[in-house]
Amino acid sequence: MPKRCGWVKMANPLYIAYHDEEWGRPLHDDQALFELLCMETYQAGLSWETVLNKRQAFREAFHGYHLQGVADMTDEELELEDGEAVITPGFFDKCTYMVEGAQTGEVSILDRDGEAYVTVRFDAPLFALWSPEGKEAPFLCIEPWYGRCDAVDFEGSLAERPYENALAAGGSFDAEYAIVFA
């Protein structure tokens, strides 16, 4: 058996494969580097084990991490009606839905009787709802966002960026969210 680091979750074959085949090895392929960079950003809110477990779904959602496929993705802006959006089959066929302007500070998933069984509360000014497009996947991602990338046609200064968060040298940014299961 190969020697493994103590942080490897031995009960998870994806974790073992990541350690044995990828971790600590140099990458020179742009697509592989882009995937790793994205995976590292997911770890800001998810455990590394969760990132590895959802890796294939992320690949499907983000066009196999082909740079042009990701660059061509669009954010569909979603206006809530009375604070609600009904997710129906085909809802994510256009990709991600962005809810802007602090329309709400929480998202709940309701059962057929209208009772919340999962609620995510956050202090973010915008959030995204997504699931792999065209897959009718059995999960929904709710991502509070505290900033966003520039629009393709944005030509302003850094200070003019929407949802810009600026920190002084040595400053920190604190935010929180809660996930409540009924």
C-alpha atoms as a PDB file:
ATOM      1  CA  MET A   1       0.000   0.000   0.000  1.00  0.00           C
ATOM      2  CA  PRO A   2       1.378   3.443  -0.868  1.00  0.00           C
ATOM      3  CA  LYS A   3       2.321   5.799   1.942  1.00  0.00           C
ATOM      4  CA  ARG A   4      -0.426   8.416   2.368  1.00  0.00           C
ATOM      5  CA  CYS A   5      -0.766  11.656   4.286  1.00  0.00           C
ATOM      6  CA  GLY A   6      -2.832  11.639   7.480  1.00  0.00           C
ATOM      7  CA  TRP A   7      -5.503  13.950   5.976  1.00  0.00           C
ATOM      8  CA  VAL A   8      -6.609  11.379   3.381  1.00  0.00           C
ATOM      9  CA  LYS A   9     -10.133  10.073   4.070  1.00  0.00           C
ATOM     10  CA  MET A  10      -9.402   6.381   3.694  1.00  0.00           C
ATOM     11  CA  ALA A  11     -13.094   5.461   3.422  1.00  0.00           C
ATOM     12  CA  ASN A  12     -13.498   7.581   0.273  1.00  0.00           C
ATOM     13  CA  PRO A  13     -12.010   6.159  -2.945  1.00  0.00           C
ATOM     14  CA  LEU A  14     -12.210   9.586  -4.644  1.00  0.00           C
ATOM     15  CA  TYR A  15     -10.078  11.085  -1.874  1.00  0.00           C
ATOM     16  CA  ILE A  16      -7.550   8.260  -2.144  1.00  0.00           C
ATOM     17  CA  ALA A  17      -7.361   8.608  -5.933  1.00  0.00           C
ATOM     18  CA  TYR A  18      -6.910  12.381  -5.649  1.00  0.00           C
ATOM     19  CA  HIS A  19      -4.046  11.922  -3.167  1.00  0.00           C
ATOM     20  CA  ASP A  20      -2.338   9.124  -5.083  1.00  0.00           C
ATOM     21  CA  GLU A  21      -2.757  10.473  -8.616  1.00  0.00           C
ATOM     22  CA  GLU A  22      -3.012  14.284  -8.396  1.00  0.00           C
ATOM     23  CA  TRP A  23      -1.978  15.890  -5.109  1.00  0.00           C
ATOM     24  CA  GLY A  24       1.494  17.413  -5.126  1.00  0.00           C
ATOM     25  CA  ARG A  25       2.100  16.797  -8.821  1.00  0.00           C
ATOM     26  CA  PRO A  26       2.918  19.676 -11.149  1.00  0.00           C
ATOM     27  CA  LEU A  27       0.245  20.709 -13.649  1.00  0.00           C
ATOM     28  CA  HIS A  28       1.075  22.307 -16.991  1.00  0.00           C
ATOM     29  CA  ASP A  29      -2.236  21.906 -18.817  1.00  0.00           C
ATOM     30  CA  ASP A  30      -4.354  25.091 -18.823  1.00  0.00           C
ATOM     31  CA  GLN A  31      -7.649  23.206 -18.557  1.00  0.00           C
ATOM     32  CA  ALA A  32      -6.430  21.089 -15.629  1.00  0.00           C
ATOM     33  CA  LEU A  33      -5.062  24.203 -13.899  1.00  0.00           C
ATOM     34  CA  PHE A  34      -8.371  26.007 -14.404  1.00  0.00           C
ATOM     35  CA  GLU A  35     -10.288  23.058 -12.933  1.00  0.00           C
ATOM     36  CA  LEU A  36      -7.982  22.959  -9.893  1.00  0.00           C
ATOM     37  CA  LEU A  37      -8.316  26.723  -9.384  1.00  0.00           C
ATOM     38  CA  CYS A  38     -12.105  26.397  -9.475  1.00  0.00           C
ATOM     39  CA  MET A  39     -12.038  23.443  -7.086  1.00  0.00           C
ATOM     40  CA  GLU A  40      -9.930  25.469  -4.651  1.00  0.00           C
ATOM     41  CA  THR A  41     -12.517  28.276  -4.725  1.00  0.00           C
ATOM     42  CA  TYR A  42     -15.328  25.811  -3.988  1.00  0.00           C
ATOM     43  CA  GLN A  43     -13.416  24.763  -0.898  1.00  0.00           C
ATOM     44  CA  ALA A  44     -14.058  28.245   0.535  1.00  0.00           C
ATOM     45  CA  GLY A  45     -17.562  27.047   1.420  1.00  0.00           C
ATOM     46  CA  LEU A  46     -17.350  23.270   1.087  1.00  0.00           C
ATOM     47  CA  SER A  47     -15.100  20.610   2.535  1.00  0.00           C
ATOM     48  CA  TRP A  48     -12.501  19.158   0.185  1.00  0.00           C
ATOM     49  CA  GLU A  49     -14.270  15.802   0.436  1.00  0.00           C
ATOM     50  CA  THR A  50     -17.533  17.396  -0.745  1.00  0.00           C
ATOM     51  CA  VAL A  51     -15.691  19.087  -3.620  1.00  0.00           C
ATOM     52  CA  LEU A  52     -14.221  15.744  -4.693  1.00  0.00           C
ATOM     53  CA  ASN A  53     -17.582  13.982  -4.330  1.00  0.00           C
ATOM     54  CA  LYS A  54     -19.284  16.631  -6.522  1.00  0.00           C
ATOM     55  CA  ARG A  55     -16.392  16.953  -8.961  1.00  0.00           C
ATOM     56  CA  GLN A  56     -18.137  15.189 -11.827  1.00  0.00           C
ATOM     57  CA  ALA A  57     -21.281  17.307 -11.409  1.00  0.00           C
ATOM     58  CA  PHE A  58     -19.104  20.447 -11.404  1.00  0.00           C
ATOM     59  CA  ARG A  59     -17.419  19.261 -14.618  1.00  0.00           C
ATOM     60  CA  GLU A  60     -20.813  18.806 -16.241  1.00  0.00           C
ATOM     61  CA  ALA A  61     -22.099  22.177 -15.010  1.00  0.00           C
ATOM     62  CA  PHE A  62     -18.984  24.018 -16.203  1.00  0.00           C
ATOM     63  CA  HIS A  63     -18.527  22.449 -19.636  1.00  0.00           C
ATOM     64  CA  GLY A  64     -15.674  20.179 -18.598  1.00  0.00           C
ATOM     65  CA  TYR A  65     -13.770  23.319 -17.555  1.00  0.00           C
ATOM     66  CA  HIS A  66     -13.108  24.201 -21.187  1.00  0.00           C
ATOM     67  CA  LEU A  67     -12.246  27.878 -20.927  1.00  0.00           C
ATOM     68  CA  GLN A  68     -14.350  28.980 -23.914  1.00  0.00           C
ATOM     69  CA  GLY A  69     -17.381  27.010 -22.707  1.00  0.00           C
ATOM     70  CA  VAL A  70     -17.173  28.684 -19.298  1.00  0.00           C
ATOM     71  CA  ALA A  71     -16.544  32.101 -20.876  1.00  0.00           C
ATOM     72  CA  ASP A  72     -19.706  31.696 -22.977  1.00  0.00           C
ATOM     73  CA  MET A  73     -21.888  30.982 -19.928  1.00  0.00           C
ATOM     74  CA  THR A  74     -24.375  33.663 -19.001  1.00  0.00           C
ATOM     75  CA  ASP A  75     -26.089  34.623 -15.789  1.00  0.00           C
ATOM     76  CA  GLU A  76     -29.837  34.796 -16.120  1.00  0.00           C
ATOM     77  CA  GLU A  77     -31.111  37.427 -13.753  1.00  0.00           C
ATOM     78  CA  LEU A  78     -34.114  36.313 -11.783  1.00  0.00           C
ATOM     79  CA  GLU A  79     -36.668  38.695 -10.388  1.00  0.00           C
ATOM     80  CA  LEU A  80     -38.526  37.168  -7.482  1.00  0.00           C
ATOM     81  CA  GLU A  81     -42.301  37.468  -7.466  1.00  0.00           C
ATOM     82  CA  ASP A  82     -43.539  37.945  -3.907  1.00  0.00           C
ATOM     83  CA  GLY A  83     -40.179  36.570  -2.824  1.00  0.00           C
ATOM     84  CA  GLU A  84     -40.690  33.289  -4.677  1.00  0.00           C
ATOM     85  CA  ALA A  85     -39.369  31.502  -7.733  1.00  0.00           C
ATOM     86  CA  VAL A  86     -40.890  28.197  -8.745  1.00  0.00           C
ATOM     87  CA  ILE A  87     -38.329  25.714 -10.045  1.00  0.00           C
ATOM     88  CA  THR A  88     -39.859  23.553 -12.725  1.00  0.00           C
ATOM     89  CA  PRO A  89     -38.381  20.984 -15.137  1.00  0.00           C
ATOM     90  CA  GLY A  90     -36.135  22.850 -17.555  1.00  0.00           C
ATOM     91  CA  PHE A  91     -35.616  25.776 -15.143  1.00  0.00           C
ATOM     92  CA  PHE A  92     -31.820  25.447 -15.346  1.00  0.00           C
ATOM     93  CA  ASP A  93     -31.616  24.827 -19.093  1.00  0.00           C
ATOM     94  CA  LYS A  94     -30.228  28.355 -19.500  1.00  0.00           C
ATOM     95  CA  CYS A  95     -27.643  27.886 -16.736  1.00  0.00           C
ATOM     96  CA  THR A  96     -27.326  29.962 -13.555  1.00  0.00           C
ATOM     97  CA  TYR A  97     -29.916  32.327 -12.113  1.00  0.00           C
ATOM     98  CA  MET A  98     -28.599  35.362 -10.283  1.00  0.00           C
ATOM     99  CA  VAL A  99     -30.741  37.171  -7.715  1.00  0.00           C
ATOM    100  CA  GLU A 100     -29.388  40.682  -7.172  1.00  0.00           C
ATOM    101  CA  GLY A 101     -30.107  43.761  -5.134  1.00  0.00           C
ATOM    102  CA  ALA A 102     -30.562  42.059  -1.773  1.00  0.00           C
ATOM    103  CA  GLN A 103     -34.065  40.956  -2.747  1.00  0.00           C
ATOM    104  CA  THR A 104     -33.914  38.471   0.095  1.00  0.00           C
ATOM    105  CA  GLY A 105     -31.596  37.252   2.841  1.00  0.00           C
ATOM    106  CA  GLU A 106     -32.714  33.646   2.748  1.00  0.00           C
ATOM    107  CA  VAL A 107     -33.677  30.886   0.369  1.00  0.00           C
ATOM    108  CA  SER A 108     -35.948  27.997   1.338  1.00  0.00           C
ATOM    109  CA  ILE A 109     -36.696  24.814  -0.508  1.00  0.00           C
ATOM    110  CA  LEU A 110     -40.296  23.817   0.060  1.00  0.00           C
ATOM    111  CA  ASP A 111     -41.948  20.431  -0.063  1.00  0.00           C
ATOM    112  CA  ARG A 112     -45.166  19.797  -1.986  1.00  0.00           C
ATOM    113  CA  ASP A 113     -47.181  21.070   0.988  1.00  0.00           C
ATOM    114  CA  GLY A 114     -45.348  24.414   1.000  1.00  0.00           C
ATOM    115  CA  GLU A 115     -43.335  23.635   4.137  1.00  0.00           C
ATOM    116  CA  ALA A 116     -39.642  24.589   4.180  1.00  0.00           C
ATOM    117  CA  TYR A 117     -37.329  21.642   4.667  1.00  0.00           C
ATOM    118  CA  VAL A 118     -34.058  23.444   3.922  1.00  0.00           C
ATOM    119  CA  THR A 119     -33.410  27.166   4.472  1.00  0.00           C
ATOM    120  CA  VAL A 120     -30.179  29.009   3.727  1.00  0.00           C
ATOM    121  CA  ARG A 121     -29.810  32.399   5.467  1.00  0.00           C
ATOM    122  CA  PHE A 122     -27.085  34.834   4.459  1.00  0.00           C
ATOM    123  CA  ASP A 123     -26.050  38.472   4.476  1.00  0.00           C
ATOM    124  CA  ALA A 124     -24.887  38.607   0.853  1.00  0.00           C
ATOM    125  CA  PRO A 125     -26.167  41.247  -1.581  1.00  0.00           C
ATOM    126  CA  LEU A 126     -26.716  38.647  -4.307  1.00  0.00           C
ATOM    127  CA  PHE A 127     -26.874  34.917  -4.714  1.00  0.00           C
ATOM    128  CA  ALA A 128     -26.945  32.342  -7.453  1.00  0.00           C
ATOM    129  CA  LEU A 129     -29.129  29.299  -7.955  1.00  0.00           C
ATOM    130  CA  TRP A 130     -27.795  26.612 -10.234  1.00  0.00           C
ATOM    131  CA  SER A 131     -27.888  22.977 -11.105  1.00  0.00           C
ATOM    132  CA  PRO A 132     -26.230  21.256 -14.072  1.00  0.00           C
ATOM    133  CA  GLU A 133     -28.128  22.494 -17.084  1.00  0.00           C
ATOM    134  CA  GLY A 134     -30.297  20.020 -18.952  1.00  0.00           C
ATOM    135  CA  LYS A 135     -29.569  17.222 -16.474  1.00  0.00           C
ATOM    136  CA  GLU A 136     -32.552  17.397 -14.084  1.00  0.00           C
ATOM    137  CA  ALA A 137     -29.926  16.777 -11.397  1.00  0.00           C
ATOM    138  CA  PRO A 138     -31.102  15.708  -7.929  1.00  0.00           C
ATOM    139  CA  PHE A 139     -29.495  18.746  -6.278  1.00  0.00           C
ATOM    140  CA  LEU A 140     -29.680  22.528  -6.276  1.00  0.00           C
ATOM    141  CA  CYS A 141     -26.765  24.823  -5.437  1.00  0.00           C
ATOM    142  CA  ILE A 142     -27.554  27.976  -3.456  1.00  0.00           C
ATOM    143  CA  GLU A 143     -24.507  30.242  -3.430  1.00  0.00           C
ATOM    144  CA  PRO A 144     -24.425  33.540  -1.521  1.00  0.00           C
ATOM    145  CA  TRP A 145     -22.129  35.912  -3.440  1.00  0.00           C
ATOM    146  CA  TYR A 146     -20.396  38.941  -1.968  1.00  0.00           C
ATOM    147  CA  GLY A 147     -19.033  40.105  -5.314  1.00  0.00           C
ATOM    148  CA  ARG A 148     -19.123  39.110  -8.937  1.00  0.00           C
ATOM    149  CA  CYS A 149     -16.965  39.226 -12.007  1.00  0.00           C
ATOM    150  CA  ASP A 150     -17.191  42.008 -14.546  1.00  0.00           C
ATOM    151  CA  ALA A 151     -19.695  41.902 -17.387  1.00  0.00           C
ATOM    152  CA  VAL A 152     -18.103  41.209 -20.765  1.00  0.00           C
ATOM    153  CA  ASP A 153     -18.619  44.828 -21.863  1.00  0.00           C
ATOM    154  CA  PHE A 154     -17.536  46.475 -18.558  1.00  0.00           C
ATOM    155  CA  GLU A 155     -14.931  49.188 -19.125  1.00  0.00           C
ATOM    156  CA  GLY A 156     -15.026  51.101 -15.825  1.00  0.00           C
ATOM    157  CA  SER A 157     -12.502  51.362 -13.050  1.00  0.00           C
ATOM    158  CA  LEU A 158     -12.128  48.941 -10.177  1.00  0.00           C
ATOM    159  CA  ALA A 159     -14.040  51.324  -7.891  1.00  0.00           C
ATOM    160  CA  GLU A 160     -16.986  51.342 -10.333  1.00  0.00           C
ATOM    161  CA  ARG A 161     -17.460  47.572 -10.339  1.00  0.00           C
ATOM    162  CA  PRO A 162     -20.842  46.449  -9.040  1.00  0.00           C
ATOM    163  CA  TYR A 163     -20.661  44.697  -5.674  1.00  0.00           C
ATOM    164  CA  GLU A 164     -16.998  45.595  -5.267  1.00  0.00           C
ATOM    165  CA  ASN A 165     -15.521  44.763  -1.855  1.00  0.00           C
ATOM    166  CA  ALA A 166     -12.398  46.734  -1.034  1.00  0.00           C
ATOM    167  CA  LEU A 167     -10.172  46.050   1.951  1.00  0.00           C
ATOM    168  CA  ALA A 168      -7.341  48.107   3.354  1.00  0.00           C
ATOM    169  CA  ALA A 169      -3.977  46.395   3.632  1.00  0.00           C
ATOM    170  CA  GLY A 170      -4.180  43.899   6.469  1.00  0.00           C
ATOM    171  CA  GLY A 171      -7.989  44.182   6.561  1.00  0.00           C
ATOM    172  CA  SER A 172     -10.380  41.265   6.739  1.00  0.00           C
ATOM    173  CA  PHE A 173     -13.836  40.482   5.482  1.00  0.00           C
ATOM    174  CA  ASP A 174     -16.330  38.641   7.652  1.00  0.00           C
ATOM    175  CA  ALA A 175     -19.583  37.183   6.433  1.00  0.00           C
ATOM    176  CA  GLU A 176     -21.777  34.369   7.573  1.00  0.00           C
ATOM    177  CA  TYR A 177     -24.499  32.088   6.453  1.00  0.00           C
ATOM    178  CA  ALA A 178     -26.581  29.399   8.082  1.00  0.00           C
ATOM    179  CA  ILE A 179     -28.191  26.256   6.713  1.00  0.00           C
ATOM    180  CA  VAL A 180     -31.260  25.089   8.617  1.00  0.00           C
ATOM    181  CA  PHE A 181     -32.873  21.693   8.085  1.00  0.00           C
ATOM    182  CA  ALA A 182     -36.456  21.306   9.263  1.00  0.00           C
END
